Every structure is written in C-alpha cells, then in structure tokens.
Amino acid sequence: MKIKIYLEPSDEGGYTVIVPSLPGCISEGETKDEAIKNINEAIELYLEPVEDDVLAVSNAKEYFNYLGMQN
C-alpha cells in the first residue's frame, strides 16, 4: 500500500511528518530519515485496529457478501 506523506521542517528544529489520508497520524524526527522511520511506525499503529477488525470476521465470504460484494 502506498500512502502519501508530507515532510516539512519544524520551527523548533527537526522535521514533522503528516499523513493527510489518516487524520491525526503525525510524527516527528530530528532528521528526515528518523521522521520517515517514525511515521512508518505511526502508520502501522494507526492501521492496526482496522487490520484486527478484518481478522476478527470469522467468515470473510459471508462478510463481503453482506457488504454487497460478490466473488
């Protein structure tokens, strides 16, 4: 999955990174590399509850049929 991020210098030094498609998903780092590493972790944590919800569905075929999707 590709997710667009915005990396900008922080007024206090270092860098701030935001993910426009994931409201509230923000991170920082002293360097660009650190900021990108930190936002990757933040994205994983942000999306983890969604992944858990999908895995909790006991029968995916029934779930997707309920949503109106056909195989």
PDB file of N, CA and C in Angstrom:
ATOM      1  N   MET A   1       0.843  -1.167   0.000  1.00  0.00           N
ATOM      2  CA  MET A   1       0.000   0.000   0.000  1.00  0.00           C
ATOM      3  C   MET A   1       0.895   1.239   0.000  1.00  0.00           C
ATOM      4  N   LYS A   2       0.583   2.186  -0.860  1.00  0.00           N
ATOM      5  CA  LYS A   2       1.316   3.444  -0.893  1.00  0.00           C
ATOM      6  C   LYS A   2       0.464   4.525  -0.250  1.00  0.00           C
ATOM      7  N   ILE A   3       1.085   5.267   0.654  1.00  0.00           N
ATOM      8  CA  ILE A   3       0.392   6.338   1.353  1.00  0.00           C
ATOM      9  C   ILE A   3       1.217   7.609   1.206  1.00  0.00           C
ATOM     10  N   LYS A   4       0.572   8.681   0.800  1.00  0.00           N
ATOM     11  CA  LYS A   4       1.264   9.963   0.628  1.00  0.00           C
ATOM     12  C   LYS A   4       1.521  10.596   1.994  1.00  0.00           C
ATOM     13  N   ILE A   5       2.747  11.079   2.191  1.00  0.00           N
ATOM     14  CA  ILE A   5       3.096  11.793   3.410  1.00  0.00           C
ATOM     15  C   ILE A   5       3.626  13.175   3.041  1.00  0.00           C
ATOM     16  N   TYR A   6       3.531  14.099   3.979  1.00  0.00           N
ATOM     17  CA  TYR A   6       4.121  15.426   3.823  1.00  0.00           C
ATOM     18  C   TYR A   6       5.166  15.610   4.911  1.00  0.00           C
ATOM     19  N   LEU A   7       6.388  15.910   4.494  1.00  0.00           N
ATOM     20  CA  LEU A   7       7.522  16.105   5.390  1.00  0.00           C
ATOM     21  C   LEU A   7       7.918  17.570   5.319  1.00  0.00           C
ATOM     22  N   GLU A   8       7.965  18.232   6.471  1.00  0.00           N
ATOM     23  CA  GLU A   8       8.344  19.636   6.472  1.00  0.00           C
ATOM     24  C   GLU A   8       9.236  19.941   7.668  1.00  0.00           C
ATOM     25  N   PRO A   9      10.142  20.902   7.507  1.00  0.00           N
ATOM     26  CA  PRO A   9      10.995  21.293   8.632  1.00  0.00           C
ATOM     27  C   PRO A   9      10.137  21.883   9.751  1.00  0.00           C
ATOM     28  N   SER A  10      10.478  21.551  10.975  1.00  0.00           N
ATOM     29  CA  SER A  10       9.766  22.077  12.131  1.00  0.00           C
ATOM     30  C   SER A  10      10.404  23.388  12.570  1.00  0.00           C
ATOM     31  N   ASP A  11       9.598  24.302  13.085  1.00  0.00           N
ATOM     32  CA  ASP A  11      10.121  25.585  13.566  1.00  0.00           C
ATOM     33  C   ASP A  11      11.130  25.394  14.699  1.00  0.00           C
ATOM     34  N   GLU A  12      10.946  24.334  15.488  1.00  0.00           N
ATOM     35  CA  GLU A  12      11.816  24.065  16.632  1.00  0.00           C
ATOM     36  C   GLU A  12      13.045  23.250  16.246  1.00  0.00           C
ATOM     37  N   GLY A  13      13.186  22.919  14.979  1.00  0.00           N
ATOM     38  CA  GLY A  13      14.261  22.042  14.517  1.00  0.00           C
ATOM     39  C   GLY A  13      13.711  20.658  14.260  1.00  0.00           C
ATOM     40  N   GLY A  14      14.394  19.890  13.475  1.00  0.00           N
ATOM     41  CA  GLY A  14      13.903  18.569  13.113  1.00  0.00           C
ATOM     42  C   GLY A  14      12.833  18.663  12.040  1.00  0.00           C
ATOM     43  N   TYR A  15      12.042  17.612  11.933  1.00  0.00           N
ATOM     44  CA  TYR A  15      11.033  17.527  10.872  1.00  0.00           C
ATOM     45  C   TYR A  15       9.722  16.998  11.425  1.00  0.00           C
ATOM     46  N   THR A  16       8.639  17.466  10.844  1.00  0.00           N
ATOM     47  CA  THR A  16       7.297  16.984  11.150  1.00  0.00           C
ATOM     48  C   THR A  16       6.761  16.297   9.906  1.00  0.00           C
ATOM     49  N   VAL A  17       6.083  15.164  10.115  1.00  0.00           N
ATOM     50  CA  VAL A  17       5.501  14.414   9.005  1.00  0.00           C
ATOM     51  C   VAL A  17       4.025  14.205   9.295  1.00  0.00           C
ATOM     52  N   ILE A  18       3.184  14.465   8.292  1.00  0.00           N
ATOM     53  CA  ILE A  18       1.753  14.201   8.427  1.00  0.00           C
ATOM     54  C   ILE A  18       1.300  13.291   7.293  1.00  0.00           C
ATOM     55  N   VAL A  19       0.203  12.582   7.560  1.00  0.00           N
ATOM     56  CA  VAL A  19      -0.414  11.707   6.564  1.00  0.00           C
ATOM     57  C   VAL A  19      -1.825  12.247   6.337  1.00  0.00           C
ATOM     58  N   PRO A  20      -2.044  12.992   5.257  1.00  0.00           N
ATOM     59  CA  PRO A  20      -3.348  13.614   5.027  1.00  0.00           C
ATOM     60  C   PRO A  20      -4.512  12.625   4.987  1.00  0.00           C
ATOM     61  N   SER A  21      -4.283  11.423   4.494  1.00  0.00           N
ATOM     62  CA  SER A  21      -5.369  10.451   4.368  1.00  0.00           C
ATOM     63  C   SER A  21      -5.681   9.725   5.678  1.00  0.00           C
ATOM     64  N   LEU A  22      -4.862   9.946   6.719  1.00  0.00           N
ATOM     65  CA  LEU A  22      -5.085   9.324   8.023  1.00  0.00           C
ATOM     66  C   LEU A  22      -5.141  10.436   9.073  1.00  0.00           C
ATOM     67  N   PRO A  23      -6.317  11.010   9.314  1.00  0.00           N
ATOM     68  CA  PRO A  23      -6.436  12.143  10.231  1.00  0.00           C
ATOM     69  C   PRO A  23      -5.798  11.861  11.595  1.00  0.00           C
ATOM     70  N   GLY A  24      -4.966  12.788  12.021  1.00  0.00           N
ATOM     71  CA  GLY A  24      -4.311  12.655  13.316  1.00  0.00           C
ATOM     72  C   GLY A  24      -3.033  11.844  13.298  1.00  0.00           C
ATOM     73  N   CYS A  25      -2.674  11.296  12.154  1.00  0.00           N
ATOM     74  CA  CYS A  25      -1.448  10.498  12.047  1.00  0.00           C
ATOM     75  C   CYS A  25      -0.292  11.450  11.743  1.00  0.00           C
ATOM     76  N   ILE A  26       0.443  11.794  12.798  1.00  0.00           N
ATOM     77  CA  ILE A  26       1.522  12.778  12.727  1.00  0.00           C
ATOM     78  C   ILE A  26       2.716  12.230  13.493  1.00  0.00           C
ATOM     79  N   SER A  27       3.913  12.546  13.019  1.00  0.00           N
ATOM     80  CA  SER A  27       5.118  12.148  13.740  1.00  0.00           C
ATOM     81  C   SER A  27       6.205  13.182  13.504  1.00  0.00           C
ATOM     82  N   GLU A  28       7.311  13.009  14.218  1.00  0.00           N
ATOM     83  CA  GLU A  28       8.440  13.928  14.116  1.00  0.00           C
ATOM     84  C   GLU A  28       9.740  13.153  14.178  1.00  0.00           C
ATOM     85  N   GLY A  29      10.817  13.831  13.835  1.00  0.00           N
ATOM     86  CA  GLY A  29      12.145  13.257  13.955  1.00  0.00           C
ATOM     87  C   GLY A  29      13.193  14.343  13.849  1.00  0.00           C
ATOM     88  N   GLU A  30      14.360  14.080  14.404  1.00  0.00           N
ATOM     89  CA  GLU A  30      15.456  15.049  14.340  1.00  0.00           C
ATOM     90  C   GLU A  30      16.016  15.173  12.925  1.00  0.00           C
ATOM     91  N   THR A  31      15.974  14.065  12.169  1.00  0.00           N
ATOM     92  CA  THR A  31      16.451  14.058  10.783  1.00  0.00           C
ATOM     93  C   THR A  31      15.309  13.602   9.878  1.00  0.00           C
ATOM     94  N   LYS A  32      15.476  13.781   8.566  1.00  0.00           N
ATOM     95  CA  LYS A  32      14.461  13.305   7.624  1.00  0.00           C
ATOM     96  C   LYS A  32      14.286  11.799   7.746  1.00  0.00           C
ATOM     97  N   ASP A  33      15.406  11.076   7.819  1.00  0.00           N
ATOM     98  CA  ASP A  33      15.334   9.613   7.919  1.00  0.00           C
ATOM     99  C   ASP A  33      14.606   9.171   9.183  1.00  0.00           C
ATOM    100  N   GLU A  34      14.903   9.819  10.306  1.00  0.00           N
ATOM    101  CA  GLU A  34      14.243   9.472  11.560  1.00  0.00           C
ATOM    102  C   GLU A  34      12.751   9.787  11.490  1.00  0.00           C
ATOM    103  N   ALA A  35      12.404  10.920  10.898  1.00  0.00           N
ATOM    104  CA  ALA A  35      10.996  11.302  10.777  1.00  0.00           C
ATOM    105  C   ALA A  35      10.234  10.297   9.914  1.00  0.00           C
ATOM    106  N   ILE A  36      10.842   9.847   8.828  1.00  0.00           N
ATOM    107  CA  ILE A  36      10.189   8.865   7.953  1.00  0.00           C
ATOM    108  C   ILE A  36      10.055   7.524   8.663  1.00  0.00           C
ATOM    109  N   LYS A  37      11.085   7.112   9.391  1.00  0.00           N
ATOM    110  CA  LYS A  37      11.008   5.865  10.167  1.00  0.00           C
ATOM    111  C   LYS A  37       9.873   5.961  11.191  1.00  0.00           C
ATOM    112  N   ASN A  38       9.793   7.094  11.870  1.00  0.00           N
ATOM    113  CA  ASN A  38       8.762   7.280  12.892  1.00  0.00           C
ATOM    114  C   ASN A  38       7.361   7.295  12.292  1.00  0.00           C
ATOM    115  N   ILE A  39       7.188   7.913  11.122  1.00  0.00           N
ATOM    116  CA  ILE A  39       5.847   7.954  10.532  1.00  0.00           C
ATOM    117  C   ILE A  39       5.444   6.579  10.026  1.00  0.00           C
ATOM    118  N   ASN A  40       6.409   5.787   9.562  1.00  0.00           N
ATOM    119  CA  ASN A  40       6.082   4.415   9.156  1.00  0.00           C
ATOM    120  C   ASN A  40       5.536   3.624  10.337  1.00  0.00           C
ATOM    121  N   GLU A  41       6.151   3.787  11.509  1.00  0.00           N
ATOM    122  CA  GLU A  41       5.652   3.123  12.718  1.00  0.00           C
ATOM    123  C   GLU A  41       4.274   3.655  13.094  1.00  0.00           C
ATOM    124  N   ALA A  42       4.092   4.973  12.988  1.00  0.00           N
ATOM    125  CA  ALA A  42       2.800   5.579  13.325  1.00  0.00           C
ATOM    126  C   ALA A  42       1.697   5.072  12.399  1.00  0.00           C
ATOM    127  N   ILE A  43       2.009   4.919  11.114  1.00  0.00           N
ATOM    128  CA  ILE A  43       1.027   4.410  10.154  1.00  0.00           C
ATOM    129  C   ILE A  43       0.645   2.979  10.510  1.00  0.00           C
ATOM    130  N   GLU A  44       1.634   2.154  10.836  1.00  0.00           N
ATOM    131  CA  GLU A  44       1.346   0.766  11.225  1.00  0.00           C
ATOM    132  C   GLU A  44       0.429   0.728  12.439  1.00  0.00           C
ATOM    133  N   LEU A  45       0.719   1.544  13.447  1.00  0.00           N
ATOM    134  CA  LEU A  45      -0.113   1.576  14.649  1.00  0.00           C
ATOM    135  C   LEU A  45      -1.504   2.128  14.349  1.00  0.00           C
ATOM    136  N   TYR A  46      -1.586   3.111  13.475  1.00  0.00           N
ATOM    137  CA  TYR A  46      -2.866   3.713  13.103  1.00  0.00           C
ATOM    138  C   TYR A  46      -3.765   2.684  12.427  1.00  0.00           C
ATOM    139  N   LEU A  47      -3.174   1.889  11.541  1.00  0.00           N
ATOM    140  CA  LEU A  47      -3.952   0.923  10.763  1.00  0.00           C
ATOM    141  C   LEU A  47      -4.175  -0.397  11.492  1.00  0.00           C
ATOM    142  N   GLU A  48      -3.456  -0.645  12.579  1.00  0.00           N
ATOM    143  CA  GLU A  48      -3.570  -1.911  13.301  1.00  0.00           C
ATOM    144  C   GLU A  48      -4.998  -2.235  13.740  1.00  0.00           C
ATOM    145  N   PRO A  49      -5.760  -1.291  14.316  1.00  0.00           N
ATOM    146  CA  PRO A  49      -7.139  -1.626  14.699  1.00  0.00           C
ATOM    147  C   PRO A  49      -7.994  -2.058  13.514  1.00  0.00           C
ATOM    148  N   VAL A  50      -7.792  -1.462  12.348  1.00  0.00           N
ATOM    149  CA  VAL A  50      -8.546  -1.842  11.152  1.00  0.00           C
ATOM    150  C   VAL A  50      -8.209  -3.275  10.775  1.00  0.00           C
ATOM    151  N   GLU A  51      -6.931  -3.608  10.798  1.00  0.00           N
ATOM    152  CA  GLU A  51      -6.488  -4.959  10.471  1.00  0.00           C
ATOM    153  C   GLU A  51      -7.085  -5.960  11.455  1.00  0.00           C
ATOM    154  N   ASP A  52      -7.101  -5.621  12.748  1.00  0.00           N
ATOM    155  CA  ASP A  52      -7.668  -6.509  13.757  1.00  0.00           C
ATOM    156  C   ASP A  52      -9.156  -6.733  13.516  1.00  0.00           C
ATOM    157  N   ASP A  53      -9.887  -5.681  13.124  1.00  0.00           N
ATOM    158  CA  ASP A  53     -11.317  -5.813  12.859  1.00  0.00           C
ATOM    159  C   ASP A  53     -11.575  -6.756  11.693  1.00  0.00           C
ATOM    160  N   VAL A  54     -10.775  -6.655  10.655  1.00  0.00           N
ATOM    161  CA  VAL A  54     -10.946  -7.524   9.491  1.00  0.00           C
ATOM    162  C   VAL A  54     -10.636  -8.965   9.873  1.00  0.00           C
ATOM    163  N   LEU A  55      -9.586  -9.183  10.652  1.00  0.00           N
ATOM    164  CA  LEU A  55      -9.218 -10.539  11.057  1.00  0.00           C
ATOM    165  C   LEU A  55     -10.250 -11.147  12.002  1.00  0.00           C
ATOM    166  N   ALA A  56     -11.000 -10.308  12.707  1.00  0.00           N
ATOM    167  CA  ALA A  56     -11.986 -10.809  13.652  1.00  0.00           C
ATOM    168  C   ALA A  56     -13.212 -11.401  12.959  1.00  0.00           C
ATOM    169  N   VAL A  57     -13.389 -11.119  11.705  1.00  0.00           N
ATOM    170  CA  VAL A  57     -14.528 -11.657  10.966  1.00  0.00           C
ATOM    171  C   VAL A  57     -14.293 -13.146  10.750  1.00  0.00           C
ATOM    172  N   SER A  58     -15.199 -13.963  11.257  1.00  0.00           N
ATOM    173  CA  SER A  58     -14.968 -15.409  11.214  1.00  0.00           C
ATOM    174  C   SER A  58     -15.122 -16.000   9.820  1.00  0.00           C
ATOM    175  N   ASN A  59     -16.002 -15.433   9.013  1.00  0.00           N
ATOM    176  CA  ASN A  59     -16.191 -15.966   7.674  1.00  0.00           C
ATOM    177  C   ASN A  59     -16.167 -14.807   6.686  1.00  0.00           C
ATOM    178  N   ALA A  60     -15.021 -14.588   6.070  1.00  0.00           N
ATOM    179  CA  ALA A  60     -14.841 -13.430   5.192  1.00  0.00           C
ATOM    180  C   ALA A  60     -15.816 -13.441   4.022  1.00  0.00           C
ATOM    181  N   LYS A  61     -16.135 -14.620   3.478  1.00  0.00           N
ATOM    182  CA  LYS A  61     -17.045 -14.685   2.333  1.00  0.00           C
ATOM    183  C   LYS A  61     -18.416 -14.137   2.718  1.00  0.00           C
ATOM    184  N   GLU A  62     -18.930 -14.562   3.874  1.00  0.00           N
ATOM    185  CA  GLU A  62     -20.221 -14.051   4.325  1.00  0.00           C
ATOM    186  C   GLU A  62     -20.143 -12.550   4.575  1.00  0.00           C
ATOM    187  N   TYR A  63     -19.040 -12.098   5.134  1.00  0.00           N
ATOM    188  CA  TYR A  63     -18.854 -10.679   5.429  1.00  0.00           C
ATOM    189  C   TYR A  63     -18.903  -9.851   4.152  1.00  0.00           C
ATOM    190  N   PHE A  64     -18.153 -10.264   3.138  1.00  0.00           N
ATOM    191  CA  PHE A  64     -18.124  -9.499   1.902  1.00  0.00           C
ATOM    192  C   PHE A  64     -19.449  -9.591   1.155  1.00  0.00           C
ATOM    193  N   ASN A  65     -20.138 -10.720   1.221  1.00  0.00           N
ATOM    194  CA  ASN A  65     -21.459 -10.812   0.607  1.00  0.00           C
ATOM    195  C   ASN A  65     -22.431  -9.862   1.297  1.00  0.00           C
ATOM    196  N   TYR A  66     -22.295  -9.726   2.621  1.00  0.00           N
ATOM    197  CA  TYR A  66     -23.134  -8.802   3.368  1.00  0.00           C
ATOM    198  C   TYR A  66     -22.922  -7.374   2.873  1.00  0.00           C
ATOM    199  N   LEU A  67     -21.684  -7.045   2.532  1.00  0.00           N
ATOM    200  CA  LEU A  67     -21.380  -5.708   2.040  1.00  0.00           C
ATOM    201  C   LEU A  67     -21.791  -5.508   0.588  1.00  0.00           C
ATOM    202  N   GLY A  68     -22.308  -6.558  -0.030  1.00  0.00           N
ATOM    203  CA  GLY A  68     -22.760  -6.456  -1.397  1.00  0.00           C
ATOM    204  C   GLY A  68     -21.696  -6.784  -2.416  1.00  0.00           C
ATOM    205  N   MET A  69     -20.611  -7.413  -1.980  1.00  0.00           N
ATOM    206  CA  MET A  69     -19.544  -7.790  -2.898  1.00  0.00           C
ATOM    207  C   MET A  69     -19.704  -9.253  -3.271  1.00  0.00           C
ATOM    208  N   GLN A  70     -19.549  -9.543  -4.516  1.00  0.00           N
ATOM    209  CA  GLN A  70     -19.674 -10.914  -4.995  1.00  0.00           C
ATOM    210  C   GLN A  70     -18.324 -11.431  -5.447  1.00  0.00           C
ATOM    211  N   ASN A  71     -18.087 -12.723  -5.254  1.00  0.00           N
ATOM    212  CA  ASN A  71     -16.845 -13.354  -5.737  1.00  0.00           C
ATOM    213  C   ASN A  71     -16.980 -13.689  -7.197  1.00  0.00           C
TER     214      ASN A  71
END
